[in-house]
PDB file of N, CA and C in Angstrom:
ATOM      1  N   MET A   1      37.655  45.356 -45.005  1.00  0.00           N
ATOM      2  CA  MET A   1      37.855  45.542 -46.485  1.00  0.00           C
ATOM      3  C   MET A   1      36.872  46.537 -46.727  1.00  0.00           C
ATOM      4  N   ALA A   2      37.320  47.511 -47.388  1.00  0.00           N
ATOM      5  CA  ALA A   2      36.782  48.429 -47.929  1.00  0.00           C
ATOM      6  C   ALA A   2      35.419  48.116 -49.204  1.00  0.00           C
ATOM      7  N   LYS A   3      34.484  48.252 -49.208  1.00  0.00           N
ATOM      8  CA  LYS A   3      33.329  47.818 -50.029  1.00  0.00           C
ATOM      9  C   LYS A   3      33.505  48.855 -51.382  1.00  0.00           C
ATOM     10  N   ILE A   4      33.686  47.800 -52.319  1.00  0.00           N
ATOM     11  CA  ILE A   4      33.838  48.113 -53.990  1.00  0.00           C
ATOM     12  C   ILE A   4      32.426  48.985 -54.766  1.00  0.00           C
ATOM     13  N   SER A   5      32.661  49.836 -55.174  1.00  0.00           N
ATOM     14  CA  SER A   5      31.111  50.024 -55.518  1.00  0.00           C
ATOM     15  C   SER A   5      31.125  50.049 -56.902  1.00  0.00           C
ATOM     16  N   VAL A   6      30.332  49.755 -57.785  1.00  0.00           N
ATOM     17  CA  VAL A   6      30.004  49.346 -59.193  1.00  0.00           C
ATOM     18  C   VAL A   6      29.875  51.187 -59.786  1.00  0.00           C
ATOM     19  N   TRP A   7      29.611  52.113 -59.282  1.00  0.00           N
ATOM     20  CA  TRP A   7      29.442  53.175 -59.753  1.00  0.00           C
ATOM     21  C   TRP A   7      30.793  54.088 -59.622  1.00  0.00           C
ATOM     22  N   ASP A   8      31.902  53.484 -59.304  1.00  0.00           N
ATOM     23  CA  ASP A   8      33.289  54.346 -58.969  1.00  0.00           C
ATOM     24  C   ASP A   8      34.206  54.376 -60.606  1.00  0.00           C
ATOM     25  N   ARG A   9      34.499  55.041 -60.627  1.00  0.00           N
ATOM     26  CA  ARG A   9      35.473  55.286 -62.117  1.00  0.00           C
ATOM     27  C   ARG A   9      36.639  54.121 -61.737  1.00  0.00           C
ATOM     28  N   ARG A  10      36.985  54.364 -60.758  1.00  0.00           N
ATOM     29  CA  ARG A  10      38.102  52.981 -60.548  1.00  0.00           C
ATOM     30  C   ARG A  10      37.831  51.861 -60.956  1.00  0.00           C
ATOM     31  N   THR A  11      36.386  50.947 -60.454  1.00  0.00           N
ATOM     32  CA  THR A  11      35.829  49.927 -60.566  1.00  0.00           C
ATOM     33  C   THR A  11      35.862  49.838 -62.169  1.00  0.00           C
ATOM     34  N   TRP A  12      35.184  50.657 -62.837  1.00  0.00           N
ATOM     35  CA  TRP A  12      35.024  50.717 -64.281  1.00  0.00           C
ATOM     36  C   TRP A  12      36.415  50.497 -64.860  1.00  0.00           C
ATOM     37  N   GLY A  13      37.580  51.449 -64.390  1.00  0.00           N
ATOM     38  CA  GLY A  13      38.742  51.436 -64.984  1.00  0.00           C
ATOM     39  C   GLY A  13      39.856  49.890 -65.019  1.00  0.00           C
ATOM     40  N   LEU A  14      39.383  49.428 -63.963  1.00  0.00           N
ATOM     41  CA  LEU A  14      39.942  47.893 -63.575  1.00  0.00           C
ATOM     42  C   LEU A  14      39.369  46.992 -64.428  1.00  0.00           C
ATOM     43  N   LEU A  15      37.791  47.016 -64.274  1.00  0.00           N
ATOM     44  CA  LEU A  15      37.008  46.118 -65.490  1.00  0.00           C
ATOM     45  C   LEU A  15      37.547  46.367 -66.780  1.00  0.00           C
ATOM     46  N   ARG A  16      37.703  47.274 -67.162  1.00  0.00           N
ATOM     47  CA  ARG A  16      37.790  47.741 -68.455  1.00  0.00           C
ATOM     48  C   ARG A  16      39.055  47.119 -69.233  1.00  0.00           C
ATOM     49  N   GLU A  17      40.509  47.247 -68.275  1.00  0.00           N
ATOM     50  CA  GLU A  17      41.637  46.942 -68.360  1.00  0.00           C
ATOM     51  C   GLU A  17      41.517  45.480 -68.069  1.00  0.00           C
ATOM     52  N   ILE A  18      40.717  44.662 -67.289  1.00  0.00           N
ATOM     53  CA  ILE A  18      41.042  43.133 -67.248  1.00  0.00           C
ATOM     54  C   ILE A  18      40.342  42.908 -68.625  1.00  0.00           C
ATOM     55  N   LYS A  19      39.456  43.209 -68.907  1.00  0.00           N
ATOM     56  CA  LYS A  19      38.294  42.863 -69.979  1.00  0.00           C
ATOM     57  C   LYS A  19      39.183  43.252 -71.303  1.00  0.00           C
ATOM     58  N   GLY A  20      40.279  44.041 -71.375  1.00  0.00           N
ATOM     59  CA  GLY A  20      40.655  44.590 -72.658  1.00  0.00           C
ATOM     60  C   GLY A  20      39.923  45.375 -73.625  1.00  0.00           C
ATOM     61  N   ILE A  21      38.917  46.192 -73.148  1.00  0.00           N
ATOM     62  CA  ILE A  21      38.068  47.202 -73.857  1.00  0.00           C
ATOM     63  C   ILE A  21      38.844  48.178 -73.935  1.00  0.00           C
ATOM     64  N   THR A  22      38.739  48.596 -75.164  1.00  0.00           N
ATOM     65  CA  THR A  22      39.617  49.891 -75.554  1.00  0.00           C
ATOM     66  C   THR A  22      38.457  51.278 -75.203  1.00  0.00           C
ATOM     67  N   TYR A  23      39.072  52.605 -74.962  1.00  0.00           N
ATOM     68  CA  TYR A  23      38.116  53.712 -75.059  1.00  0.00           C
ATOM     69  C   TYR A  23      37.546  53.748 -75.921  1.00  0.00           C
ATOM     70  N   ALA A  24      38.306  53.443 -77.336  1.00  0.00           N
ATOM     71  CA  ALA A  24      37.338  54.032 -78.515  1.00  0.00           C
ATOM     72  C   ALA A  24      35.975  52.848 -78.460  1.00  0.00           C
ATOM     73  N   GLN A  25      36.054  51.626 -77.941  1.00  0.00           N
ATOM     74  CA  GLN A  25      34.863  50.978 -77.909  1.00  0.00           C
ATOM     75  C   GLN A  25      33.946  51.622 -77.209  1.00  0.00           C
ATOM     76  N   LEU A  26      34.460  51.745 -75.947  1.00  0.00           N
ATOM     77  CA  LEU A  26      33.283  52.510 -74.885  1.00  0.00           C
ATOM     78  C   LEU A  26      32.851  53.424 -75.624  1.00  0.00           C
ATOM     79  N   ALA A  27      33.167  54.323 -76.375  1.00  0.00           N
ATOM     80  CA  ALA A  27      32.889  55.609 -76.986  1.00  0.00           C
ATOM     81  C   ALA A  27      31.901  55.296 -78.000  1.00  0.00           C
ATOM     82  N   GLU A  28      31.987  54.178 -78.967  1.00  0.00           N
ATOM     83  CA  GLU A  28      31.362  53.928 -80.004  1.00  0.00           C
ATOM     84  C   GLU A  28      30.134  53.169 -79.245  1.00  0.00           C
ATOM     85  N   ALA A  29      30.458  52.387 -78.115  1.00  0.00           N
ATOM     86  CA  ALA A  29      28.925  52.025 -77.441  1.00  0.00           C
ATOM     87  C   ALA A  29      28.186  52.858 -76.997  1.00  0.00           C
ATOM     88  N   CYS A  30      28.846  53.989 -76.722  1.00  0.00           N
ATOM     89  CA  CYS A  30      28.186  55.032 -75.714  1.00  0.00           C
ATOM     90  C   CYS A  30      27.723  56.501 -76.577  1.00  0.00           C
ATOM     91  N   SER A  31      28.164  55.877 -78.192  1.00  0.00           N
ATOM     92  CA  SER A  31      27.919  56.915 -79.065  1.00  0.00           C
ATOM     93  C   SER A  31      28.301  58.626 -78.867  1.00  0.00           C
ATOM     94  N   VAL A  32      29.596  58.590 -77.769  1.00  0.00           N
ATOM     95  CA  VAL A  32      29.809  59.780 -77.706  1.00  0.00           C
ATOM     96  C   VAL A  32      31.484  59.514 -78.415  1.00  0.00           C
ATOM     97  N   TYR A  33      31.783  61.153 -78.551  1.00  0.00           N
ATOM     98  CA  TYR A  33      33.477  61.955 -79.163  1.00  0.00           C
ATOM     99  C   TYR A  33      34.113  60.384 -78.426  1.00  0.00           C
ATOM    100  N   HIS A  34      35.363  60.406 -79.592  1.00  0.00           N
ATOM    101  CA  HIS A  34      36.553  58.952 -79.076  1.00  0.00           C
ATOM    102  C   HIS A  34      36.829  59.393 -77.929  1.00  0.00           C
ATOM    103  N   ALA A  35      37.224  60.658 -77.591  1.00  0.00           N
ATOM    104  CA  ALA A  35      37.771  61.018 -76.283  1.00  0.00           C
ATOM    105  C   ALA A  35      37.325  61.231 -74.995  1.00  0.00           C
ATOM    106  N   THR A  36      36.166  60.995 -75.287  1.00  0.00           N
ATOM    107  CA  THR A  36      35.201  61.497 -74.023  1.00  0.00           C
ATOM    108  C   THR A  36      35.567  60.390 -73.025  1.00  0.00           C
ATOM    109  N   PRO A  37      34.944  58.773 -73.185  1.00  0.00           N
ATOM    110  CA  PRO A  37      35.655  57.804 -72.339  1.00  0.00           C
ATOM    111  C   PRO A  37      37.130  57.965 -71.474  1.00  0.00           C
ATOM    112  N   GLU A  38      37.690  58.584 -72.200  1.00  0.00           N
ATOM    113  CA  GLU A  38      39.259  58.381 -71.210  1.00  0.00           C
ATOM    114  C   GLU A  38      39.135  59.651 -70.497  1.00  0.00           C
ATOM    115  N   LYS A  39      38.192  60.807 -70.845  1.00  0.00           N
ATOM    116  CA  LYS A  39      38.037  62.253 -70.006  1.00  0.00           C
ATOM    117  C   LYS A  39      37.426  61.254 -68.613  1.00  0.00           C
ATOM    118  N   TRP A  40      36.355  60.588 -68.692  1.00  0.00           N
ATOM    119  CA  TRP A  40      35.329  59.908 -67.606  1.00  0.00           C
ATOM    120  C   TRP A  40      36.305  59.028 -66.390  1.00  0.00           C
ATOM    121  N   PHE A  41      37.352  58.318 -67.372  1.00  0.00           N
ATOM    122  CA  PHE A  41      37.953  57.487 -66.426  1.00  0.00           C
ATOM    123  C   PHE A  41      39.218  57.873 -65.796  1.00  0.00           C
ATOM    124  N   ASN A  42      39.736  59.266 -66.187  1.00  0.00           N
ATOM    125  CA  ASN A  42      40.977  59.701 -66.032  1.00  0.00           C
ATOM    126  C   ASN A  42      40.791  61.260 -65.114  1.00  0.00           C
ATOM    127  N   ASP A  43      39.342  61.547 -64.861  1.00  0.00           N
ATOM    128  CA  ASP A  43      39.404  62.916 -64.519  1.00  0.00           C
ATOM    129  C   ASP A  43      39.574  62.704 -62.892  1.00  0.00           C
ATOM    130  N   ASN A  44      40.509  63.033 -62.215  1.00  0.00           N
ATOM    131  CA  ASN A  44      40.448  62.670 -60.789  1.00  0.00           C
ATOM    132  C   ASN A  44      39.813  64.099 -59.869  1.00  0.00           C
ATOM    133  N   SER A  45      39.473  64.976 -60.778  1.00  0.00           N
ATOM    134  CA  SER A  45      38.535  66.325 -59.928  1.00  0.00           C
ATOM    135  C   SER A  45      37.090  65.835 -59.936  1.00  0.00           C
ATOM    136  N   GLY A  46      36.511  64.699 -60.568  1.00  0.00           N
ATOM    137  CA  GLY A  46      35.321  64.581 -60.088  1.00  0.00           C
ATOM    138  C   GLY A  46      34.326  65.450 -61.159  1.00  0.00           C
ATOM    139  N   GLN A  47      34.736  66.146 -61.864  1.00  0.00           N
ATOM    140  CA  GLN A  47      34.065  67.211 -62.931  1.00  0.00           C
ATOM    141  C   GLN A  47      33.695  66.468 -64.137  1.00  0.00           C
ATOM    142  N   ARG A  48      34.317  65.289 -64.701  1.00  0.00           N
ATOM    143  CA  ARG A  48      33.532  64.894 -65.930  1.00  0.00           C
ATOM    144  C   ARG A  48      33.089  63.348 -65.707  1.00  0.00           C
ATOM    145  N   ASN A  49      32.024  63.393 -65.456  1.00  0.00           N
ATOM    146  CA  ASN A  49      31.391  61.877 -65.277  1.00  0.00           C
ATOM    147  C   ASN A  49      30.440  61.885 -66.209  1.00  0.00           C
ATOM    148  N   PRO A  50      29.834  60.516 -66.545  1.00  0.00           N
ATOM    149  CA  PRO A  50      28.967  60.134 -67.350  1.00  0.00           C
ATOM    150  C   PRO A  50      27.717  60.463 -66.795  1.00  0.00           C
ATOM    151  N   GLY A  51      26.968  60.962 -67.709  1.00  0.00           N
ATOM    152  CA  GLY A  51      25.049  60.887 -67.189  1.00  0.00           C
ATOM    153  C   GLY A  51      24.853  59.410 -66.798  1.00  0.00           C
ATOM    154  N   LEU A  52      23.394  59.456 -66.245  1.00  0.00           N
ATOM    155  CA  LEU A  52      23.114  57.855 -65.811  1.00  0.00           C
ATOM    156  C   LEU A  52      22.928  56.998 -67.305  1.00  0.00           C
ATOM    157  N   LYS A  53      22.392  57.539 -68.097  1.00  0.00           N
ATOM    158  CA  LYS A  53      22.498  56.686 -69.523  1.00  0.00           C
ATOM    159  C   LYS A  53      23.640  56.122 -69.600  1.00  0.00           C
ATOM    160  N   HIS A  54      24.527  56.762 -69.814  1.00  0.00           N
ATOM    161  CA  HIS A  54      26.024  56.282 -70.208  1.00  0.00           C
ATOM    162  C   HIS A  54      26.265  55.310 -69.045  1.00  0.00           C
ATOM    163  N   GLN A  55      26.453  55.733 -67.748  1.00  0.00           N
ATOM    164  CA  GLN A  55      26.526  54.762 -66.798  1.00  0.00           C
ATOM    165  C   GLN A  55      26.241  53.376 -66.835  1.00  0.00           C
ATOM    166  N   ILE A  56      24.891  53.236 -67.503  1.00  0.00           N
ATOM    167  CA  ILE A  56      24.234  52.165 -67.537  1.00  0.00           C
ATOM    168  C   ILE A  56      24.845  51.206 -68.730  1.00  0.00           C
ATOM    169  N   THR A  57      24.965  52.050 -69.822  1.00  0.00           N
ATOM    170  CA  THR A  57      25.700  51.611 -71.021  1.00  0.00           C
ATOM    171  C   THR A  57      26.962  50.932 -70.688  1.00  0.00           C
ATOM    172  N   LEU A  58      28.164  51.930 -70.164  1.00  0.00           N
ATOM    173  CA  LEU A  58      28.838  51.288 -69.356  1.00  0.00           C
ATOM    174  C   LEU A  58      28.874  49.819 -68.620  1.00  0.00           C
ATOM    175  N   ALA A  59      28.167  49.948 -67.752  1.00  0.00           N
ATOM    176  CA  ALA A  59      27.776  48.783 -67.216  1.00  0.00           C
ATOM    177  C   ALA A  59      27.691  47.526 -67.904  1.00  0.00           C
ATOM    178  N   LYS A  60      26.768  47.974 -69.194  1.00  0.00           N
ATOM    179  CA  LYS A  60      26.601  46.362 -69.852  1.00  0.00           C
ATOM    180  C   LYS A  60      27.741  46.082 -70.673  1.00  0.00           C
ATOM    181  N   VAL A  61      28.567  47.116 -70.953  1.00  0.00           N
ATOM    182  CA  VAL A  61      29.474  46.767 -71.616  1.00  0.00           C
ATOM    183  C   VAL A  61      30.668  46.004 -70.986  1.00  0.00           C
ATOM    184  N   LEU A  62      30.761  46.267 -69.803  1.00  0.00           N
ATOM    185  CA  LEU A  62      31.731  45.806 -68.826  1.00  0.00           C
ATOM    186  C   LEU A  62      31.329  44.770 -67.995  1.00  0.00           C
ATOM    187  N   GLY A  63      30.012  44.531 -68.008  1.00  0.00           N
ATOM    188  CA  GLY A  63      29.612  43.039 -67.672  1.00  0.00           C
ATOM    189  C   GLY A  63      29.525  43.340 -66.370  1.00  0.00           C
ATOM    190  N   ILE A  64      28.757  44.060 -65.702  1.00  0.00           N
ATOM    191  CA  ILE A  64      28.394  44.529 -64.454  1.00  0.00           C
ATOM    192  C   ILE A  64      26.995  44.408 -64.541  1.00  0.00           C
ATOM    193  N   PRO A  65      26.627  43.392 -63.745  1.00  0.00           N
ATOM    194  CA  PRO A  65      25.452  42.542 -63.642  1.00  0.00           C
ATOM    195  C   PRO A  65      24.245  43.956 -62.875  1.00  0.00           C
ATOM    196  N   LEU A  66      22.791  43.680 -63.701  1.00  0.00           N
ATOM    197  CA  LEU A  66      21.925  44.411 -62.775  1.00  0.00           C
ATOM    198  C   LEU A  66      21.838  44.754 -61.454  1.00  0.00           C
ATOM    199  N   ARG A  67      21.802  43.386 -60.835  1.00  0.00           N
ATOM    200  CA  ARG A  67      21.724  43.404 -59.607  1.00  0.00           C
ATOM    201  C   ARG A  67      22.640  44.169 -58.797  1.00  0.00           C
ATOM    202  N   SER A  68      24.119  44.038 -59.072  1.00  0.00           N
ATOM    203  CA  SER A  68      25.015  44.865 -58.615  1.00  0.00           C
ATOM    204  C   SER A  68      24.765  46.442 -58.763  1.00  0.00           C
ATOM    205  N   LEU A  69      24.097  46.781 -59.701  1.00  0.00           N
ATOM    206  CA  LEU A  69      23.982  48.204 -60.132  1.00  0.00           C
ATOM    207  C   LEU A  69      22.929  48.820 -59.191  1.00  0.00           C
ATOM    208  N   LEU A  70      22.013  48.000 -58.490  1.00  0.00           N
ATOM    209  CA  LEU A  70      20.944  48.584 -58.142  1.00  0.00           C
ATOM    210  C   LEU A  70      20.946  48.264 -56.314  1.00  0.00           C
ATOM    211  N   SER A  71      22.084  47.583 -56.161  1.00  0.00           N
ATOM    212  CA  SER A  71      22.608  47.432 -54.476  1.00  0.00           C
ATOM    213  C   SER A  71      22.931  48.544 -53.769  1.00  0.00           C
ATOM    214  N   GLU A  72      23.321  49.544 -54.575  1.00  0.00           N
ATOM    215  CA  GLU A  72      23.593  50.843 -53.538  1.00  0.00           C
ATOM    216  C   GLU A  72      22.160  51.696 -53.426  1.00  0.00           C
ATOM    217  N   ILE A  73      21.200  51.446 -54.616  1.00  0.00           N
ATOM    218  CA  ILE A  73      19.943  52.499 -54.786  1.00  0.00           C
ATOM    219  C   ILE A  73      18.772  51.778 -54.166  1.00  0.00           C
ATOM    220  N   THR A  74      18.340  52.895 -53.485  1.00  0.00           N
ATOM    221  CA  THR A  74      17.421  52.640 -52.397  1.00  0.00           C
ATOM    222  C   THR A  74      16.003  53.187 -52.869  1.00  0.00           C
ATOM    223  N   ASP A  75      16.054  54.034 -53.763  1.00  0.00           N
ATOM    224  CA  ASP A  75      14.585  54.977 -54.164  1.00  0.00           C
ATOM    225  C   ASP A  75      14.041  54.030 -55.247  1.00  0.00           C
ATOM    226  N   PRO A  76      12.784  53.575 -55.070  1.00  0.00           N
ATOM    227  CA  PRO A  76      11.879  53.175 -56.107  1.00  0.00           C
ATOM    228  C   PRO A  76      12.316  53.403 -57.500  1.00  0.00           C
ATOM    229  N   ALA A  77      12.025  54.780 -57.484  1.00  0.00           N
ATOM    230  CA  ALA A  77      11.820  55.252 -59.318  1.00  0.00           C
ATOM    231  C   ALA A  77      13.086  55.315 -59.675  1.00  0.00           C
ATOM    232  N   ILE A  78      14.231  55.390 -58.774  1.00  0.00           N
ATOM    233  CA  ILE A  78      15.652  55.524 -59.936  1.00  0.00           C
ATOM    234  C   ILE A  78      15.510  54.067 -60.074  1.00  0.00           C
ATOM    235  N   ARG A  79      15.638  53.057 -59.126  1.00  0.00           N
ATOM    236  CA  ARG A  79      15.747  51.794 -59.364  1.00  0.00           C
ATOM    237  C   ARG A  79      15.142  51.499 -60.616  1.00  0.00           C
ATOM    238  N   ALA A  80      13.654  51.743 -60.882  1.00  0.00           N
ATOM    239  CA  ALA A  80      12.921  51.033 -62.042  1.00  0.00           C
ATOM    240  C   ALA A  80      13.320  51.968 -63.399  1.00  0.00           C
ATOM    241  N   ALA A  81      13.967  53.127 -62.960  1.00  0.00           N
ATOM    242  CA  ALA A  81      14.462  53.560 -64.365  1.00  0.00           C
ATOM    243  C   ALA A  81      15.696  53.017 -64.878  1.00  0.00           C
ATOM    244  N   ILE A  82      16.465  52.558 -63.599  1.00  0.00           N
ATOM    245  CA  ILE A  82      17.665  51.700 -63.982  1.00  0.00           C
ATOM    246  C   ILE A  82      17.311  50.503 -64.738  1.00  0.00           C
ATOM    247  N   ARG A  83      16.393  49.615 -64.162  1.00  0.00           N
ATOM    248  CA  ARG A  83      16.109  48.523 -64.557  1.00  0.00           C
ATOM    249  C   ARG A  83      15.541  48.634 -65.937  1.00  0.00           C
ATOM    250  N   ALA A  84      14.669  49.709 -66.442  1.00  0.00           N
ATOM    251  CA  ALA A  84      14.214  49.932 -67.445  1.00  0.00           C
ATOM    252  C   ALA A  84      15.466  50.038 -68.387  1.00  0.00           C
ATOM    253  N   ALA A  85      16.008  50.927 -68.304  1.00  0.00           N
ATOM    254  CA  ALA A  85      17.498  51.471 -69.042  1.00  0.00           C
ATOM    255  C   ALA A  85      18.318  50.219 -69.783  1.00  0.00           C
ATOM    256  N   TYR A  86      18.476  49.498 -68.212  1.00  0.00           N
ATOM    257  CA  TYR A  86      19.616  48.292 -68.474  1.00  0.00           C
ATOM    258  C   TYR A  86      19.043  47.530 -69.563  1.00  0.00           C
ATOM    259  N   ASN A  87      17.536  47.268 -69.450  1.00  0.00           N
ATOM    260  CA  ASN A  87      17.100  46.394 -70.392  1.00  0.00           C
ATOM    261  C   ASN A  87      16.157  46.668 -71.703  1.00  0.00           C
ATOM    262  N   ASP A  88      17.169  47.656 -71.758  1.00  0.00           N
ATOM    263  CA  ASP A  88      16.613  48.112 -73.424  1.00  0.00           C
ATOM    264  C   ASP A  88      17.720  47.676 -74.303  1.00  0.00           C
TER     265      ASP A  88
END
């Protein structure tokens, strides 16, 4: 079985659908233009990705635990930055 990455747009999309969260709700939570999250989720070219700040906000809104976010990160500085941003 393939490992599912919590940083993967398909994982975000599935969680969004399961939880019934709209793109408009994500846009409001991230303080971005209303069409931006839909572009993040549906861009198959990989050129439209949210920055780390928005990824952490998405994780919070989608209910992804901090432990899951940190599971794939080995750099201590990045782990600390994610932990601090998640707990804001």
